[in-house]
C-alpha atoms as a PDB file:
ATOM      1  CA  MET A   1       0.102   0.009  -0.060  1.00  0.00           C
ATOM      2  CA  LEU A   2       1.182   3.490  -0.892  1.00  0.00           C
ATOM      3  CA  LYS A   3       1.789   6.019   1.996  1.00  0.00           C
ATOM      4  CA  ARG A   4      -0.554   8.983   2.156  1.00  0.00           C
ATOM      5  CA  GLU A   5       2.254  11.317   1.200  1.00  0.00           C
ATOM      6  CA  THR A   6       3.224   9.376  -1.805  1.00  0.00           C
ATOM      7  CA  LYS A   7      -0.392   9.134  -2.998  1.00  0.00           C
ATOM      8  CA  ARG A   8      -0.670  13.035  -2.680  1.00  0.00           C
ATOM      9  CA  LYS A   9       2.527  13.484  -4.633  1.00  0.00           C
ATOM     10  CA  ILE A  10       1.198  11.300  -7.404  1.00  0.00           C
ATOM     11  CA  ILE A  11      -2.176  13.007  -7.387  1.00  0.00           C
ATOM     12  CA  LEU A  12      -0.365  16.509  -7.378  1.00  0.00           C
ATOM     13  CA  PHE A  13       1.659  15.492 -10.359  1.00  0.00           C
ATOM     14  CA  PHE A  14      -1.114  14.017 -12.666  1.00  0.00           C
ATOM     15  CA  ALA A  15      -4.415  15.684 -11.452  1.00  0.00           C
ATOM     16  CA  PRO A  16      -3.744  19.313 -12.404  1.00  0.00           C
ATOM     17  CA  ARG A  17      -2.425  18.406 -15.867  1.00  0.00           C
ATOM     18  CA  ILE A  18      -5.497  16.202 -16.428  1.00  0.00           C
ATOM     19  CA  ILE A  19      -7.955  18.750 -15.119  1.00  0.00           C
ATOM     20  CA  TRP A  20      -6.275  21.466 -17.208  1.00  0.00           C
ATOM     21  CA  CYS A  21      -6.690  19.357 -20.454  1.00  0.00           C
ATOM     22  CA  LEU A  22     -10.295  18.574 -19.476  1.00  0.00           C
ATOM     23  CA  LEU A  23     -11.221  22.296 -18.960  1.00  0.00           C
ATOM     24  CA  TRP A  24      -9.973  23.258 -22.418  1.00  0.00           C
ATOM     25  CA  VAL A  25     -11.998  20.407 -23.774  1.00  0.00           C
ATOM     26  CA  LEU A  26     -15.089  21.575 -21.834  1.00  0.00           C
ATOM     27  CA  TYR A  27     -14.370  25.130 -23.038  1.00  0.00           C
ATOM     28  CA  PHE A  28     -14.218  24.108 -26.805  1.00  0.00           C
ATOM     29  CA  PHE A  29     -17.392  22.076 -26.547  1.00  0.00           C
ATOM     30  CA  SER A  30     -19.460  24.823 -24.905  1.00  0.00           C
ATOM     31  CA  ARG A  31     -20.936  28.038 -26.110  1.00  0.00           C
ATOM     32  CA  ASN A  32     -18.933  30.773 -24.215  1.00  0.00           C
ATOM     33  CA  LYS A  33     -20.462  34.229 -23.819  1.00  0.00           C
ATOM     34  CA  PHE A  34     -18.555  36.828 -22.084  1.00  0.00           C
ATOM     35  CA  HIS A  35     -20.250  40.003 -20.414  1.00  0.00           C
ATOM     36  CA  ILE A  36     -17.434  42.177 -19.170  1.00  0.00           C
ATOM     37  CA  HIS A  37     -18.068  45.712 -17.976  1.00  0.00           C
ATOM     38  CA  LYS A  38     -15.654  48.135 -19.730  1.00  0.00           C
ATOM     39  CA  GLU A  39     -14.332  49.507 -16.492  1.00  0.00           C
ATOM     40  CA  ALA A  40     -13.685  45.904 -15.357  1.00  0.00           C
ATOM     41  CA  LYS A  41     -10.984  45.776 -18.036  1.00  0.00           C
ATOM     42  CA  ASP A  42      -8.936  48.308 -16.137  1.00  0.00           C
ATOM     43  CA  PRO A  43      -6.062  46.358 -14.349  1.00  0.00           C
ATOM     44  CA  ASN A  44      -5.073  46.173 -10.780  1.00  0.00           C
ATOM     45  CA  ALA A  45      -8.196  45.009  -8.812  1.00  0.00           C
ATOM     46  CA  ILE A  46      -9.557  42.539  -6.497  1.00  0.00           C
ATOM     47  CA  LEU A  47     -11.390  39.737  -8.258  1.00  0.00           C
ATOM     48  CA  ALA A  48     -14.098  38.537  -5.965  1.00  0.00           C
ATOM     49  CA  PHE A  49     -15.780  35.162  -6.762  1.00  0.00           C
ATOM     50  CA  TRP A  50     -17.741  32.322  -4.957  1.00  0.00           C
ATOM     51  CA  HIS A  51     -15.741  29.289  -4.239  1.00  0.00           C
ATOM     52  CA  GLY A  52     -18.291  26.976  -5.908  1.00  0.00           C
ATOM     53  CA  GLU A  53     -17.820  28.976  -9.202  1.00  0.00           C
ATOM     54  CA  LEU A  54     -14.066  28.913  -9.635  1.00  0.00           C
ATOM     55  CA  LEU A  55     -13.650  26.192 -12.129  1.00  0.00           C
ATOM     56  CA  MET A  56     -13.994  28.077 -15.439  1.00  0.00           C
ATOM     57  CA  LEU A  57     -13.035  31.574 -14.262  1.00  0.00           C
ATOM     58  CA  PRO A  58      -9.479  31.393 -15.727  1.00  0.00           C
ATOM     59  CA  PHE A  59     -10.982  31.631 -19.105  1.00  0.00           C
ATOM     60  CA  LEU A  60     -12.762  34.877 -18.129  1.00  0.00           C
ATOM     61  CA  TYR A  61      -9.594  36.333 -16.860  1.00  0.00           C
ATOM     62  CA  ARG A  62      -7.855  35.594 -20.237  1.00  0.00           C
ATOM     63  CA  LYS A  63     -10.605  37.784 -21.866  1.00  0.00           C
ATOM     64  CA  MET A  64     -10.213  40.560 -19.448  1.00  0.00           C
ATOM     65  CA  ARG A  65      -6.410  41.134 -19.515  1.00  0.00           C
ATOM     66  CA  LYS A  66      -4.136  40.800 -22.366  1.00  0.00           C
ATOM     67  CA  LYS A  67      -1.375  40.680 -20.166  1.00  0.00           C
ATOM     68  CA  ARG A  68      -1.868  38.378 -17.087  1.00  0.00           C
ATOM     69  CA  ASN A  69      -0.535  39.612 -13.820  1.00  0.00           C
ATOM     70  CA  ILE A  70      -2.529  37.876 -11.246  1.00  0.00           C
ATOM     71  CA  PHE A  71      -2.132  36.376  -7.723  1.00  0.00           C
ATOM     72  CA  VAL A  72      -4.811  33.965  -6.466  1.00  0.00           C
ATOM     73  CA  ILE A  73      -5.370  33.420  -2.733  1.00  0.00           C
ATOM     74  CA  SER A  74      -5.317  29.782  -2.180  1.00  0.00           C
ATOM     75  CA  SER A  75      -5.617  27.782   1.091  1.00  0.00           C
ATOM     76  CA  ASN A  76      -2.793  25.656   2.614  1.00  0.00           C
ATOM     77  CA  HIS A  77      -4.992  22.545   2.368  1.00  0.00           C
ATOM     78  CA  PHE A  78      -4.420  19.817   0.026  1.00  0.00           C
ATOM     79  CA  ASP A  79      -7.173  21.030  -2.332  1.00  0.00           C
ATOM     80  CA  GLY A  80      -5.433  24.337  -2.209  1.00  0.00           C
ATOM     81  CA  GLU A  81      -2.323  22.592  -3.421  1.00  0.00           C
ATOM     82  CA  LEU A  82      -4.070  21.205  -6.334  1.00  0.00           C
ATOM     83  CA  MET A  83      -5.416  24.563  -7.388  1.00  0.00           C
ATOM     84  CA  VAL A  84      -1.975  26.175  -6.976  1.00  0.00           C
ATOM     85  CA  ASN A  85      -0.641  23.676  -9.613  1.00  0.00           C
ATOM     86  CA  LEU A  86      -3.642  23.894 -11.916  1.00  0.00           C
ATOM     87  CA  TYR A  87      -3.476  27.825 -11.923  1.00  0.00           C
ATOM     88  CA  GLY A  88       0.169  27.586 -12.837  1.00  0.00           C
ATOM     89  CA  TYR A  89      -0.787  26.073 -16.148  1.00  0.00           C
ATOM     90  CA  PHE A  90      -2.997  29.158 -16.906  1.00  0.00           C
ATOM     91  CA  GLY A  91      -0.054  31.477 -15.910  1.00  0.00           C
ATOM     92  CA  PHE A  92      -1.350  32.515 -12.684  1.00  0.00           C
ATOM     93  CA  ASN A  93       0.636  33.163  -9.520  1.00  0.00           C
ATOM     94  CA  THR A  94      -0.554  32.292  -6.023  1.00  0.00           C
ATOM     95  CA  ILE A  95      -0.498  33.529  -2.468  1.00  0.00           C
ATOM     96  CA  ARG A  96      -0.898  30.645   0.129  1.00  0.00           C
ATOM     97  CA  GLY A  97      -2.902  31.264   3.122  1.00  0.00           C
ATOM     98  CA  SER A  98      -6.524  31.273   4.694  1.00  0.00           C
ATOM     99  CA  SER A  99      -8.308  32.695   7.565  1.00  0.00           C
ATOM    100  CA  SER A 100      -7.364  29.613   9.621  1.00  0.00           C
ATOM    101  CA  LYS A 101      -3.710  29.488   8.848  1.00  0.00           C
ATOM    102  CA  ASP A 102      -1.230  32.083   7.671  1.00  0.00           C
ATOM    103  CA  GLY A 103      -4.121  34.608   7.053  1.00  0.00           C
ATOM    104  CA  LEU A 104      -2.289  37.682   8.068  1.00  0.00           C
ATOM    105  CA  LYS A 105       0.817  36.768   6.105  1.00  0.00           C
ATOM    106  CA  ALA A 106      -1.534  36.135   2.911  1.00  0.00           C
ATOM    107  CA  LEU A 107      -3.292  39.331   3.683  1.00  0.00           C
ATOM    108  CA  LEU A 108      -0.111  41.525   3.624  1.00  0.00           C
ATOM    109  CA  GLN A 109       1.254  39.847   0.546  1.00  0.00           C
ATOM    110  CA  ALA A 110      -1.997  40.405  -1.152  1.00  0.00           C
ATOM    111  CA  ILE A 111      -1.967  44.279  -0.213  1.00  0.00           C
ATOM    112  CA  ASN A 112       1.616  44.572  -1.323  1.00  0.00           C
ATOM    113  CA  ARG A 113       0.689  43.027  -4.678  1.00  0.00           C
ATOM    114  CA  LEU A 114      -2.157  45.326  -5.183  1.00  0.00           C
ATOM    115  CA  LYS A 115      -0.131  48.359  -4.376  1.00  0.00           C
ATOM    116  CA  ASN A 116       2.533  47.114  -6.945  1.00  0.00           C
ATOM    117  CA  GLY A 117      -0.155  46.834  -9.677  1.00  0.00           C
ATOM    118  CA  SER A 118      -1.113  43.345  -9.782  1.00  0.00           C
ATOM    119  CA  ASP A 119      -4.593  41.735  -9.611  1.00  0.00           C
ATOM    120  CA  VAL A 120      -5.437  39.706  -6.593  1.00  0.00           C
ATOM    121  CA  ALA A 121      -8.182  37.086  -6.803  1.00  0.00           C
ATOM    122  CA  ILE A 122     -10.194  35.869  -3.672  1.00  0.00           C
ATOM    123  CA  THR A 123     -12.986  33.806  -2.680  1.00  0.00           C
ATOM    124  CA  PRO A 124     -14.753  35.665   0.160  1.00  0.00           C
ATOM    125  CA  ASP A 125     -16.517  32.467   1.265  1.00  0.00           C
ATOM    126  CA  GLY A 126     -13.546  30.230   0.935  1.00  0.00           C
ATOM    127  CA  PRO A 127     -11.780  27.848   1.728  1.00  0.00           C
ATOM    128  CA  LYS A 128     -14.438  26.308   4.031  1.00  0.00           C
ATOM    129  CA  GLY A 129     -17.360  28.657   4.082  1.00  0.00           C
ATOM    130  CA  PRO A 130     -19.989  29.270   5.134  1.00  0.00           C
ATOM    131  CA  TYR A 131     -21.653  29.049   1.798  1.00  0.00           C
ATOM    132  CA  HIS A 132     -21.828  32.563   0.197  1.00  0.00           C
ATOM    133  CA  SER A 133     -20.441  34.421   3.323  1.00  0.00           C
ATOM    134  CA  ILE A 134     -17.940  37.282   3.249  1.00  0.00           C
ATOM    135  CA  ALA A 135     -14.735  37.088   5.374  1.00  0.00           C
ATOM    136  CA  ASP A 136     -12.995  40.114   6.751  1.00  0.00           C
ATOM    137  CA  GLY A 137      -9.958  39.708   4.231  1.00  0.00           C
ATOM    138  CA  ILE A 138     -11.494  41.294   1.190  1.00  0.00           C
ATOM    139  CA  VAL A 139     -12.570  44.319   3.132  1.00  0.00           C
ATOM    140  CA  ALA A 140      -9.047  44.934   4.638  1.00  0.00           C
ATOM    141  CA  MET A 141      -7.589  44.510   1.205  1.00  0.00           C
ATOM    142  CA  SER A 142      -9.772  46.952  -0.634  1.00  0.00           C
ATOM    143  CA  GLN A 143      -9.459  49.625   2.186  1.00  0.00           C
ATOM    144  CA  LYS A 144      -5.652  49.161   2.942  1.00  0.00           C
ATOM    145  CA  ALA A 145      -4.669  49.087  -0.949  1.00  0.00           C
ATOM    146  CA  ASN A 146      -7.261  51.422  -1.976  1.00  0.00           C
ATOM    147  CA  SER A 147      -8.258  49.036  -4.770  1.00  0.00           C
ATOM    148  CA  ASN A 148     -11.369  48.389  -6.773  1.00  0.00           C
ATOM    149  CA  ILE A 149     -13.294  45.156  -6.256  1.00  0.00           C
ATOM    150  CA  VAL A 150     -14.573  43.422  -9.497  1.00  0.00           C
ATOM    151  CA  VAL A 151     -17.208  40.763  -8.995  1.00  0.00           C
ATOM    152  CA  VAL A 152     -16.569  37.892 -11.439  1.00  0.00           C
ATOM    153  CA  ARG A 153     -19.096  34.966 -11.818  1.00  0.00           C
ATOM    154  CA  THR A 154     -19.792  31.992 -14.152  1.00  0.00           C
ATOM    155  CA  GLU A 155     -23.323  30.768 -14.958  1.00  0.00           C
ATOM    156  CA  SER A 156     -23.865  27.513 -17.025  1.00  0.00           C
ATOM    157  CA  THR A 157     -27.049  26.421 -18.531  1.00  0.00           C
ATOM    158  CA  LYS A 158     -26.220  22.771 -17.866  1.00  0.00           C
ATOM    159  CA  PHE A 159     -24.130  21.635 -14.997  1.00  0.00           C
ATOM    160  CA  TRP A 160     -23.523  19.085 -12.133  1.00  0.00           C
ATOM    161  CA  GLU A 161     -23.822  20.417  -8.682  1.00  0.00           C
ATOM    162  CA  LEU A 162     -21.717  18.576  -6.016  1.00  0.00           C
ATOM    163  CA  LYS A 163     -23.088  17.924  -2.626  1.00  0.00           C
ATOM    164  CA  THR A 164     -20.203  20.001  -0.862  1.00  0.00           C
ATOM    165  CA  TRP A 165     -20.502  22.955   1.348  1.00  0.00           C
ATOM    166  CA  ASP A 166     -19.819  25.491  -1.636  1.00  0.00           C
ATOM    167  CA  LYS A 167     -22.407  23.607  -3.860  1.00  0.00           C
ATOM    168  CA  PHE A 168     -19.459  23.320  -6.373  1.00  0.00           C
ATOM    169  CA  ARG A 169     -20.678  23.422  -9.972  1.00  0.00           C
ATOM    170  CA  ILE A 170     -19.168  21.686 -12.976  1.00  0.00           C
ATOM    171  CA  PRO A 171     -20.551  22.631 -16.552  1.00  0.00           C
ATOM    172  CA  LYS A 172     -21.716  20.062 -18.790  1.00  0.00           C
ATOM    173  CA  PRO A 173     -20.579  19.732 -22.294  1.00  0.00           C
ATOM    174  CA  PHE A 174     -22.637  21.329 -25.030  1.00  0.00           C
ATOM    175  CA  GLY A 175     -24.249  23.939 -22.972  1.00  0.00           C
ATOM    176  CA  THR A 176     -23.738  27.559 -22.729  1.00  0.00           C
ATOM    177  CA  ILE A 177     -21.384  29.158 -20.117  1.00  0.00           C
ATOM    178  CA  HIS A 178     -21.961  32.853 -19.326  1.00  0.00           C
ATOM    179  CA  TYR A 179     -19.026  34.705 -17.853  1.00  0.00           C
ATOM    180  CA  TYR A 180     -19.478  37.929 -15.971  1.00  0.00           C
ATOM    181  CA  ALA A 181     -17.184  40.673 -14.835  1.00  0.00           C
ATOM    182  CA  LEU A 182     -19.361  43.410 -13.232  1.00  0.00           C
ATOM    183  CA  LYS A 183     -18.717  47.079 -12.718  1.00  0.00           C
ATOM    184  CA  PRO A 184     -15.850  47.728 -10.210  1.00  0.00           C
ATOM    185  CA  PHE A 185     -16.612  49.444  -6.726  1.00  0.00           C
ATOM    186  CA  LYS A 186     -14.457  50.477  -3.770  1.00  0.00           C
ATOM    187  CA  VAL A 187     -14.978  50.042  -0.074  1.00  0.00           C
ATOM    188  CA  ASP A 188     -14.513  53.320   1.542  1.00  0.00           C
ATOM    189  CA  LYS A 189     -12.042  53.394   4.478  1.00  0.00           C
ATOM    190  CA  THR A 190     -14.812  54.956   6.688  1.00  0.00           C
ATOM    191  CA  ILE A 191     -17.347  52.186   6.457  1.00  0.00           C
ATOM    192  CA  PRO A 192     -17.375  49.920   9.388  1.00  0.00           C
ATOM    193  CA  PHE A 193     -16.467  46.294   8.782  1.00  0.00           C
ATOM    194  CA  ASN A 194     -19.801  44.774   9.121  1.00  0.00           C
ATOM    195  CA  ASP A 195     -21.418  47.258   6.781  1.00  0.00           C
ATOM    196  CA  ALA A 196     -18.697  46.704   4.181  1.00  0.00           C
ATOM    197  CA  LYS A 197     -19.110  42.923   4.211  1.00  0.00           C
ATOM    198  CA  GLU A 198     -22.949  43.466   3.804  1.00  0.00           C
ATOM    199  CA  MET A 199     -22.294  45.812   0.804  1.00  0.00           C
ATOM    200  CA  ILE A 200     -19.858  43.322  -0.833  1.00  0.00           C
ATOM    201  CA  TYR A 201     -22.310  40.370  -0.361  1.00  0.00           C
ATOM    202  CA  LYS A 202     -25.134  42.376  -1.954  1.00  0.00           C
ATOM    203  CA  LYS A 203     -22.754  43.270  -4.900  1.00  0.00           C
ATOM    204  CA  MET A 204     -21.928  39.687  -5.365  1.00  0.00           C
ATOM    205  CA  LEU A 205     -25.500  38.654  -5.625  1.00  0.00           C
ATOM    206  CA  ALA A 206     -26.747  41.682  -7.623  1.00  0.00           C
ATOM    207  CA  SER A 207     -28.253  41.453 -10.901  1.00  0.00           C
ATOM    208  CA  TYR A 208     -25.778  41.265 -13.805  1.00  0.00           C
ATOM    209  CA  LYS A 209     -27.719  44.099 -15.299  1.00  0.00           C
ATOM    210  CA  ASP A 210     -26.889  46.416 -12.415  1.00  0.00           C
END
């Protein structure tokens, strides 16, 4: 029997490569429609998305930016390690950390990256939920770095929904995938944290026509 660490190394070597290939196959066998607000194309922003919708978002970023300069905040858990390797194939950089481990370190790195002109992507409800919740990190990033927040989302006409805390969705082939990058907004430094989190929550659930 293989040891747990050996199994993980094998998975980390093969799984990201296989998933990357499958995502491109899925992309080519879907109708892909992009809805990108003109101001969302401006670089240097916080890209906020729900954990359950992360799978196809790299394709949206490729449409938003001709030059990719992004750091994705990923957890220190094993699934986070998988995502780090997968994002690497899309040309993305990562910042490791979560609210439960190395959170402050990750926050400071993210603020520094934003101040130096990079995009930073974050799941406000990740890595473990609760579902569609807003953690403090995104508020601190926007206020400290004085950066715009751009809500990015995907919506598929056909999909599988996993029985996980984030209701993770996997698009089915031959459906239509809508990609959205909404109008940027900022969190004023004078707004209390709880009020700011409520505002971000409403923005992330707002109509795509808003």
